[in-house]
Protein backbone atom coordinates (compact mmCIF):
# COMPACT_ATOMS: atom_id res chain seq x y z
CA MET A 1 -10.49 7.31 10.01
CA ARG A 2 -11.99 4.31 11.75
CA LEU A 3 -15.30 3.65 10.06
CA THR A 4 -16.41 0.26 11.34
CA LYS A 5 -17.65 -2.49 9.08
CA ALA A 6 -21.09 -1.95 10.63
CA ASP A 7 -21.04 1.66 9.43
CA ARG A 8 -20.62 0.60 5.81
CA ALA A 9 -22.02 -2.92 5.60
CA PRO A 10 -24.75 -3.13 2.97
CA LYS A 11 -26.64 -5.80 4.94
CA GLY A 12 -26.87 -7.74 1.71
CA ILE A 13 -26.62 -6.72 -1.92
CA ALA A 14 -30.40 -6.54 -2.28
CA ALA A 15 -30.61 -4.02 0.56
CA LEU A 16 -27.75 -1.95 -0.85
CA PHE A 17 -29.41 -1.90 -4.28
CA ALA A 18 -32.80 -0.88 -2.87
CA ARG A 19 -31.30 1.80 -0.63
CA THR A 20 -29.17 3.28 -3.41
CA ARG A 21 -31.97 3.44 -5.96
CA ALA A 22 -34.38 4.94 -3.43
CA ARG A 23 -31.88 7.67 -2.51
CA THR A 24 -31.50 8.67 -6.16
CA GLY A 25 -35.26 8.79 -6.54
CA GLU A 26 -35.54 11.01 -3.49
CA LEU A 27 -32.92 13.42 -4.84
CA ALA A 28 -34.75 13.66 -8.17
CA SER A 29 -38.16 14.09 -6.56
CA ARG A 30 -37.36 17.73 -5.76
CA LEU A 31 -36.94 18.57 -9.45
CA SER A 32 -39.51 19.51 -12.07
CA PRO A 33 -39.43 17.88 -15.52
CA GLU A 34 -37.99 21.17 -16.84
CA ASP A 35 -35.23 21.08 -14.21
CA MET A 36 -34.30 17.57 -15.30
CA VAL A 37 -33.52 18.34 -18.93
CA VAL A 38 -31.19 21.35 -18.64
CA GLN A 39 -27.44 21.00 -19.27
CA SER A 40 -25.71 24.15 -18.09
CA MET A 41 -22.20 23.39 -19.37
CA PRO A 42 -20.38 20.57 -21.21
CA ASP A 43 -18.89 19.20 -17.97
CA ALA A 44 -22.35 18.79 -16.43
CA SER A 45 -25.20 16.46 -17.37
CA PRO A 46 -28.97 16.83 -17.08
CA ALA A 47 -30.56 15.21 -14.03
CA LYS A 48 -32.69 13.10 -16.35
CA TRP A 49 -29.55 11.77 -18.02
CA HIS A 50 -28.06 10.78 -14.64
CA LEU A 51 -31.25 8.86 -13.85
CA ALA A 52 -31.19 7.06 -17.18
CA HIS A 53 -27.45 6.42 -17.35
CA THR A 54 -27.29 4.73 -13.95
CA THR A 55 -30.19 2.54 -15.07
CA TRP A 56 -28.46 1.76 -18.36
CA PHE A 57 -25.43 0.63 -16.34
CA PHE A 58 -27.45 -2.07 -14.55
CA GLU A 59 -29.25 -3.07 -17.75
CA THR A 60 -26.00 -3.36 -19.71
CA PHE A 61 -23.63 -4.91 -17.19
CA VAL A 62 -25.99 -6.97 -15.02
CA LEU A 63 -29.14 -7.87 -16.92
CA LYS A 64 -27.74 -8.28 -20.42
CA PRO A 65 -25.16 -10.97 -19.58
CA TYR A 66 -27.09 -12.79 -16.84
CA GLU A 67 -30.89 -12.39 -17.16
CA ALA A 68 -32.61 -15.32 -18.88
CA GLY A 69 -34.44 -14.18 -22.00
CA PHE A 70 -32.93 -10.68 -21.79
CA ARG A 71 -34.43 -7.99 -23.97
CA LEU A 72 -33.58 -4.30 -24.08
CA TYR A 73 -36.18 -2.07 -22.50
CA ASP A 74 -35.86 0.29 -25.47
CA GLU A 75 -33.42 -0.16 -28.35
CA ARG A 76 -32.87 3.61 -28.57
CA PHE A 77 -31.65 4.02 -25.02
CA PRO A 78 -28.13 2.49 -25.11
CA HIS A 79 -26.90 5.11 -27.59
CA CYS A 80 -28.51 7.93 -25.60
CA PHE A 81 -27.33 6.90 -22.14
CA ASN A 82 -23.93 5.25 -22.58
CA SER A 83 -21.32 7.64 -21.19
CA TYR A 84 -17.77 6.71 -22.20
CA TYR A 85 -17.72 2.91 -22.50
CA ALA A 86 -16.43 2.49 -26.04
CA GLN A 87 -16.68 -1.30 -25.86
CA ALA A 88 -20.37 -1.06 -24.90
CA GLY A 89 -21.39 0.60 -28.16
CA THR A 90 -22.02 4.02 -29.68
CA ARG A 91 -22.94 7.02 -27.57
CA HIS A 92 -24.47 10.47 -27.81
CA ALA A 93 -21.97 13.34 -27.56
CA ARG A 94 -21.55 14.52 -23.97
CA PRO A 95 -21.95 18.28 -24.66
CA MET A 96 -25.27 17.51 -26.39
CA ARG A 97 -27.00 15.64 -23.57
CA GLY A 98 -29.22 18.63 -22.93
CA MET A 99 -30.71 18.14 -26.39
CA LEU A 100 -32.31 14.86 -25.30
CA THR A 101 -35.76 16.28 -24.60
CA ARG A 102 -37.02 12.79 -25.42
CA PRO A 103 -37.47 10.37 -23.79
CA SER A 104 -39.44 12.43 -21.33
CA ALA A 105 -38.73 12.51 -17.62
CA ALA A 106 -41.77 10.30 -17.08
CA GLU A 107 -40.44 7.74 -19.58
CA VAL A 108 -37.04 7.74 -17.88
CA LEU A 109 -38.66 7.13 -14.49
CA ALA A 110 -40.64 4.25 -15.99
CA TYR A 111 -37.37 2.85 -17.40
CA ARG A 112 -35.81 3.05 -13.96
CA GLU A 113 -38.72 1.24 -12.34
CA ALA A 114 -38.76 -1.55 -14.90
CA VAL A 115 -35.02 -2.21 -14.70
CA GLU A 116 -35.07 -2.04 -10.89
CA GLU A 117 -37.72 -4.76 -10.77
CA ARG A 118 -35.72 -6.99 -13.09
CA VAL A 119 -32.43 -6.49 -11.24
CA ALA A 120 -34.13 -7.16 -7.89
CA ALA A 121 -35.60 -10.36 -9.29
CA LEU A 122 -32.19 -11.46 -10.58
CA ILE A 123 -30.55 -10.75 -7.22
CA ALA A 124 -33.26 -12.79 -5.47
CA ASP A 125 -32.89 -15.80 -7.75
CA PRO A 126 -29.57 -15.72 -9.65
CA PRO A 127 -28.10 -18.57 -11.67
CA ALA A 128 -26.01 -20.40 -9.09
CA GLU A 129 -22.86 -20.41 -11.22
CA HIS A 130 -23.04 -16.62 -11.68
CA ARG A 131 -24.21 -15.52 -8.21
CA ALA A 132 -20.85 -14.08 -7.10
CA GLU A 133 -20.28 -12.14 -10.31
CA ILE A 134 -23.84 -10.78 -10.35
CA GLU A 135 -23.46 -9.55 -6.78
CA ARG A 136 -20.08 -8.02 -7.60
CA ARG A 137 -21.52 -6.14 -10.55
CA VAL A 138 -24.60 -4.98 -8.66
CA GLU A 139 -22.37 -3.65 -5.89
CA LEU A 140 -20.22 -1.87 -8.46
CA GLY A 141 -23.36 -0.44 -10.06
CA CYS A 142 -24.55 0.86 -6.71
CA HIS A 143 -21.27 2.66 -6.05
CA HIS A 144 -21.35 3.99 -9.60
CA GLU A 145 -24.83 5.36 -8.88
CA MET A 146 -23.61 6.96 -5.63
CA GLN A 147 -21.07 8.88 -7.71
CA HIS A 148 -23.90 10.10 -9.91
CA GLN A 149 -25.98 11.12 -6.90
CA GLU A 150 -23.30 13.63 -6.01
CA LEU A 151 -22.92 14.69 -9.64
CA LEU A 152 -26.66 15.22 -9.90
CA LEU A 153 -26.37 17.72 -7.03
CA THR A 154 -23.31 19.54 -8.37
CA ASP A 155 -24.86 19.75 -11.82
CA ILE A 156 -28.26 21.04 -10.69
CA LEU A 157 -26.52 23.58 -8.44
CA HIS A 158 -24.64 24.93 -11.45
CA ALA A 159 -27.81 25.05 -13.54
CA PHE A 160 -29.78 26.84 -10.81
CA SER A 161 -26.93 29.32 -10.31
CA LEU A 162 -27.45 30.59 -13.86
CA SER A 163 -31.14 31.34 -13.36
CA PRO A 164 -32.11 34.96 -12.56
CA LEU A 165 -34.72 33.51 -10.18
CA GLU A 166 -31.95 31.89 -8.08
CA PRO A 167 -34.08 28.85 -7.23
CA ALA A 168 -33.29 26.75 -4.18
CA TYR A 169 -33.02 22.97 -4.40
CA LEU A 170 -33.78 22.81 -0.66
CA ALA A 171 -35.56 25.30 1.56
CA PRO A 172 -33.22 27.92 3.06
CA ALA A 173 -31.91 27.11 6.53
CA PRO A 174 -30.30 29.48 9.03
CA ILE A 175 -26.56 29.34 9.50
CA VAL A 176 -25.58 28.59 13.07
CA VAL A 177 -22.17 30.22 13.34
CA ASN A 178 -19.83 28.42 15.69
CA PRO A 179 -17.25 30.40 17.65
CA ASP A 180 -13.89 30.76 15.96
CA LEU A 181 -11.84 27.67 16.78
CA GLY A 182 -8.61 29.54 16.19
CA ALA A 183 -5.68 28.24 14.21
CA ALA A 184 -5.70 24.60 13.16
CA ASP A 185 -3.79 22.20 15.34
CA TRP A 186 -1.16 20.07 13.63
CA HIS A 187 -0.49 16.34 13.71
CA SER A 188 2.94 14.86 13.06
CA PHE A 189 3.74 11.57 11.35
CA GLU A 190 7.13 9.91 11.06
CA GLY A 191 6.32 8.34 7.71
CA GLY A 192 8.45 5.48 6.47
CA ILE A 193 7.55 2.60 4.19
CA VAL A 194 3.78 2.39 4.56
CA PRO A 195 1.12 0.16 2.96
CA ILE A 196 -1.15 2.10 0.60
CA GLY A 197 -4.31 0.94 -1.11
CA THR A 198 -7.35 -1.11 -0.34
CA GLU A 199 -8.02 -4.22 1.66
CA GLU A 200 -11.78 -3.63 1.59
CA ARG A 201 -14.23 -6.20 0.30
CA PHE A 202 -15.36 -3.62 -2.25
CA SER A 203 -13.26 -0.98 -3.95
CA PHE A 204 -12.76 0.55 -7.36
CA ASP A 205 -9.87 -0.86 -9.36
CA ASN A 206 -7.87 2.37 -9.08
CA GLU A 207 -7.59 1.88 -5.29
CA GLY A 208 -5.23 -1.07 -5.74
CA PRO A 209 -3.15 -3.07 -5.83
CA ARG A 210 -2.12 -2.56 -2.22
CA HIS A 211 1.56 -1.66 -2.22
CA ASP A 212 4.31 -0.07 -0.17
CA ALA A 213 5.09 3.64 -0.56
CA LEU A 214 7.77 5.87 0.89
CA VAL A 215 6.38 8.73 2.98
CA HIS A 216 8.77 11.29 4.46
CA PRO A 217 8.06 12.82 7.90
CA PHE A 218 5.27 15.40 7.68
CA ARG A 219 2.65 17.36 9.58
CA ILE A 220 -0.97 17.77 8.55
CA ALA A 221 -3.59 20.26 9.72
CA GLY A 222 -6.24 18.99 12.09
CA ARG A 223 -9.09 20.61 10.16
CA LEU A 224 -10.00 21.89 6.72
CA VAL A 225 -9.27 25.42 5.52
CA THR A 226 -12.26 27.63 6.34
CA ALA A 227 -14.08 30.19 4.24
CA GLY A 228 -12.90 32.87 6.68
CA GLU A 229 -9.29 31.95 6.04
CA TRP A 230 -10.01 32.08 2.31
CA ALA A 231 -11.52 35.55 2.68
CA ALA A 232 -8.23 36.65 4.28
CA PHE A 233 -6.39 35.22 1.25
CA ILE A 234 -8.62 37.29 -1.04
CA ALA A 235 -8.15 40.45 1.06
CA ASP A 236 -4.38 40.01 0.94
CA GLY A 237 -4.40 40.01 -2.87
CA GLY A 238 -4.26 36.26 -3.33
CA TYR A 239 -5.96 36.37 -6.72
CA GLU A 240 -3.77 39.31 -7.82
CA THR A 241 -0.31 37.98 -6.89
CA GLU A 242 1.15 36.02 -9.79
CA THR A 243 4.04 34.59 -7.75
CA LEU A 244 1.61 32.51 -5.66
CA TRP A 245 0.32 30.61 -8.68
CA LEU A 246 1.45 27.80 -10.91
CA SER A 247 1.82 29.09 -14.46
CA ASP A 248 -1.27 27.27 -15.77
CA GLY A 249 -3.19 28.36 -12.70
CA TRP A 250 -2.33 32.03 -13.23
CA GLY A 251 -3.40 31.63 -16.83
CA ALA A 252 -6.78 30.34 -15.61
CA VAL A 253 -7.12 33.29 -13.22
CA GLN A 254 -6.52 35.73 -16.07
CA ARG A 255 -8.62 33.88 -18.62
CA GLU A 256 -11.60 33.15 -16.37
CA GLY A 257 -11.46 36.27 -14.23
CA TRP A 258 -11.37 34.39 -10.93
CA THR A 259 -11.48 36.64 -7.87
CA ALA A 260 -13.07 34.27 -5.32
CA PRO A 261 -14.34 30.68 -5.08
CA MET A 262 -17.04 29.67 -7.52
CA TYR A 263 -20.49 31.03 -6.58
CA TRP A 264 -19.10 33.70 -4.21
CA ARG A 265 -20.06 37.34 -4.68
CA HIS A 266 -19.38 40.42 -2.54
CA GLU A 267 -22.43 42.55 -1.74
CA ASP A 268 -22.92 45.31 0.86
CA GLY A 269 -19.64 44.51 2.56
CA ALA A 270 -20.34 40.79 2.96
CA TRP A 271 -19.55 37.62 1.05
CA TRP A 272 -22.52 35.68 -0.30
CA THR A 273 -22.59 32.34 -2.06
CA PHE A 274 -25.12 30.42 -4.14
CA SER A 275 -25.87 27.05 -2.58
CA LEU A 276 -28.32 24.18 -2.84
CA ARG A 277 -30.40 26.23 -0.40
CA GLY A 278 -30.28 29.29 -2.65
CA PRO A 279 -28.34 32.51 -1.93
CA GLN A 280 -26.75 32.40 1.52
CA LEU A 281 -24.19 34.37 3.46
CA VAL A 282 -20.87 32.56 3.43
CA ASP A 283 -20.38 30.68 6.69
CA MET A 284 -16.87 31.84 7.51
CA THR A 285 -16.32 29.04 10.05
CA ALA A 286 -17.25 26.25 7.63
CA PRO A 287 -14.82 24.66 5.14
CA VAL A 288 -14.30 26.59 1.92
CA HIS A 289 -15.38 24.70 -1.19
CA HIS A 290 -15.84 25.10 -4.94
CA VAL A 291 -12.14 25.82 -5.42
CA SER A 292 -9.89 24.33 -8.08
CA TYR A 293 -6.59 22.57 -7.60
CA TYR A 294 -4.87 25.71 -8.86
CA GLU A 295 -6.58 27.82 -6.19
CA ALA A 296 -5.88 25.28 -3.44
CA ASP A 297 -2.21 25.19 -4.40
CA ALA A 298 -1.97 29.00 -4.45
CA PHE A 299 -3.64 29.29 -1.04
CA ALA A 300 -1.25 26.73 0.44
CA ARG A 301 1.73 28.67 -0.92
CA TRP A 302 0.28 31.93 0.49
CA ALA A 303 -0.06 30.22 3.89
CA GLY A 304 3.55 29.00 3.78
CA LYS A 305 2.41 25.38 3.56
CA ARG A 306 1.56 22.87 0.85
CA LEU A 307 -1.11 20.35 -0.04
CA PRO A 308 -0.66 16.83 1.35
CA SER A 309 0.16 13.95 -0.94
CA GLU A 310 -2.52 11.31 -1.24
CA PHE A 311 -0.23 8.86 0.57
CA GLU A 312 0.21 11.29 3.47
CA TRP A 313 -3.54 11.79 3.59
CA GLU A 314 -4.23 8.04 3.65
CA LEU A 315 -1.65 7.43 6.37
CA ALA A 316 -3.09 10.22 8.52
CA SER A 317 -6.68 9.08 8.01
CA ALA A 318 -6.13 6.09 10.29
CA ASP A 319 -5.93 8.51 13.26
CA ALA A 320 -8.92 10.64 12.26
CA VAL A 321 -12.00 11.53 14.28
CA ASP A 322 -15.09 10.37 12.38
CA ASP A 323 -17.12 13.58 12.46
CA GLY A 324 -18.19 14.02 8.84
CA HIS A 325 -21.58 15.05 7.48
CA TYR A 326 -22.76 13.09 4.46
CA LEU A 327 -25.55 12.98 1.90
CA ASP A 328 -27.63 10.71 4.12
CA GLY A 329 -28.09 13.53 6.65
CA GLY A 330 -29.70 15.77 4.05
CA PHE A 331 -28.16 19.05 5.20
CA LEU A 332 -26.28 19.52 1.93
CA ARG A 333 -23.70 22.09 2.82
CA PRO A 334 -20.44 21.84 4.77
CA ARG A 335 -20.46 22.54 8.48
CA PRO A 336 -17.80 23.79 10.88
CA THR A 337 -16.07 21.15 12.95
CA GLU A 338 -17.76 20.41 16.24
CA THR A 339 -14.71 18.69 17.70
CA PRO A 340 -12.22 20.96 19.45
CA ALA A 341 -9.19 18.70 18.97
CA GLY A 342 -8.01 15.74 16.95
CA LEU A 343 -7.56 15.06 13.27
CA ARG A 344 -11.02 15.87 11.99
CA GLN A 345 -13.08 16.54 8.86
CA MET A 346 -11.11 13.86 7.00
CA ALA A 347 -14.33 12.63 5.38
CA GLY A 348 -17.60 14.42 4.86
CA GLU A 349 -17.90 18.20 4.42
CA VAL A 350 -15.79 18.60 1.23
CA TRP A 351 -13.44 16.60 -0.97
CA GLN A 352 -9.80 17.50 -0.36
CA TRP A 353 -7.30 18.28 -3.07
CA THR A 354 -3.94 16.55 -2.77
CA GLN A 355 -0.71 17.37 -4.59
CA SER A 356 -0.73 13.89 -6.18
CA SER A 357 -1.25 13.38 -9.88
CA TYR A 358 -3.82 10.73 -10.73
CA ALA A 359 -1.72 7.81 -11.88
CA PRO A 360 -1.87 4.00 -11.62
CA TYR A 361 -0.50 2.22 -8.59
CA PRO A 362 2.36 -0.26 -9.24
CA GLY A 363 0.91 -3.40 -10.80
CA PHE A 364 -2.42 -1.82 -11.75
CA ARG A 365 -4.22 -3.60 -14.55
CA PRO A 366 -7.76 -2.71 -15.65
CA VAL A 367 -10.18 -5.61 -15.90
CA ASP A 368 -11.05 -6.97 -19.32
CA GLY A 369 -14.03 -5.64 -21.23
CA ALA A 370 -15.98 -2.41 -21.03
CA LEU A 371 -15.89 -2.32 -17.22
CA GLY A 372 -12.13 -1.94 -17.51
CA GLU A 373 -12.77 1.56 -18.93
CA TYR A 374 -14.21 2.73 -15.59
CA ASN A 375 -11.05 4.41 -14.25
CA GLY A 376 -7.84 3.46 -16.01
CA LYS A 377 -8.18 5.48 -19.19
CA PHE A 378 -8.54 8.73 -17.21
CA MET A 379 -5.13 8.44 -15.52
CA VAL A 380 -3.62 11.53 -17.12
CA SER A 381 -3.65 15.32 -16.49
CA GLN A 382 -5.76 15.09 -13.33
CA TYR A 383 -5.20 15.37 -9.57
CA VAL A 384 -6.40 13.15 -6.74
CA LEU A 385 -8.90 14.28 -4.12
CA ARG A 386 -9.42 12.31 -0.92
CA GLY A 387 -12.11 12.05 1.73
CA ALA A 388 -15.76 12.70 0.86
CA SER A 389 -18.21 15.59 0.85
CA PHE A 390 -21.61 16.49 2.25
CA GLY A 391 -22.96 15.20 -1.07
CA THR A 392 -21.36 11.74 -0.72
CA ALA A 393 -23.42 8.77 0.47
CA ARG A 394 -22.06 7.21 3.65
CA ASP A 395 -22.04 3.78 1.97
CA HIS A 396 -19.51 5.21 -0.48
CA VAL A 397 -16.89 6.39 2.03
CA ARG A 398 -13.58 4.60 2.60
CA PRO A 399 -10.07 5.87 3.37
CA THR A 400 -8.57 4.48 0.14
CA TYR A 401 -11.07 6.18 -2.21
CA ARG A 402 -9.36 8.12 -5.02
CA ASN A 403 -11.51 10.85 -6.55
CA PHE A 404 -9.95 12.76 -9.46
CA PHE A 405 -10.59 15.90 -11.49
CA HIS A 406 -8.80 18.25 -13.83
CA PRO A 407 -6.97 21.04 -11.96
CA HIS A 408 -9.06 23.93 -13.31
CA LEU A 409 -12.48 22.55 -12.34
CA ARG A 410 -14.42 24.29 -9.56
CA TRP A 411 -18.02 23.08 -9.67
CA GLN A 412 -17.36 20.09 -7.42
CA PHE A 413 -17.65 20.17 -3.62
CA ALA A 414 -13.86 20.45 -3.30
CA GLY A 415 -11.78 22.16 -0.63
CA LEU A 416 -8.43 21.55 1.08
CA ARG A 417 -6.37 21.01 4.19
CA LEU A 418 -2.74 22.03 4.62
CA ALA A 419 0.42 20.02 5.20
CA GLU A 420 4.13 20.67 5.55
CA ASP A 421 7.41 18.81 5.77
CA LEU A 422 8.45 17.89 9.29
């Protein structure tokens, strides 16, 4: 997946910071104050909390250690808007974030504006001896905020889905159905001892250290699994056939009553879904999404294939066509591939489940202090997703990125592509 440096270059940390904060503000501008406070489930957070937490991150990790004469904007806010950084102080319980009716949305927006001005001033005139570290932390904070931009969308989608009014985050848009591209083409790789991990100027700590990994010969599908292919899985009894499922996955099917991807419903002989544009017919030629690892694994077994490992995915990504749709385009739903051949949809559209458990690379060591809690302590009981989705900012995309979620979760923009041994 050959994204050039020009595609991703921030053109300076100040520009990256301004662009990132403006994008978050634009996403939030479509919400009412009432929209911003709701927390629809413990795994989600209110939009207002996302706005405040990303601001707290810059205040805590950039301003507090490096701004001359630093003072907290509000002494109440660190407890309210710390997420999971134990070394940064106490924090409000995650399932109770929807109880934070105060501070108001207007107060949170004022907090954002004040901290933005102070961070911008620090970037413009940093202490010389701390310039590099300030820029490193601001860049980290921007990528942290890009994660929360996507979470803001997934969380508001879930909240809106529970409303009997079925509100739309964006105005409905017609689905332009592409002709059926037929079966996916397949791309073969010999494997071998291959370098895995980042050489980028910026990355999260879980993307390194760069190391060698053994990859056996494999083939990988040229496109993502479509909603139409998933509908065939449903029609063939995919959710009713225990032998297709991992034991824990079958338990989730029985316990949760899964019969289709999250947000799908069958009405008048057609599949509908709830989207950021409100209720829509399922685009059968677009990538399926809102499926869990368990569902992705069961579909792969039904198809006689498997999920790729994250190392296979990373190796293949070097040959990919860059045809993804991202948050910056504003369409906010996955689209069918427009490229008739080649390894495509490797980034953009939907995150892709891999069969790889989320674990540290050889030699991984978290950094000291609270920032070391960013990734390392979550390396258990989760699976890696690769690529990016239509809700991911283009600045945030790189082939070594390791997203991770628990295998039962479905509210993310997650889909799959197939692989098999060669």
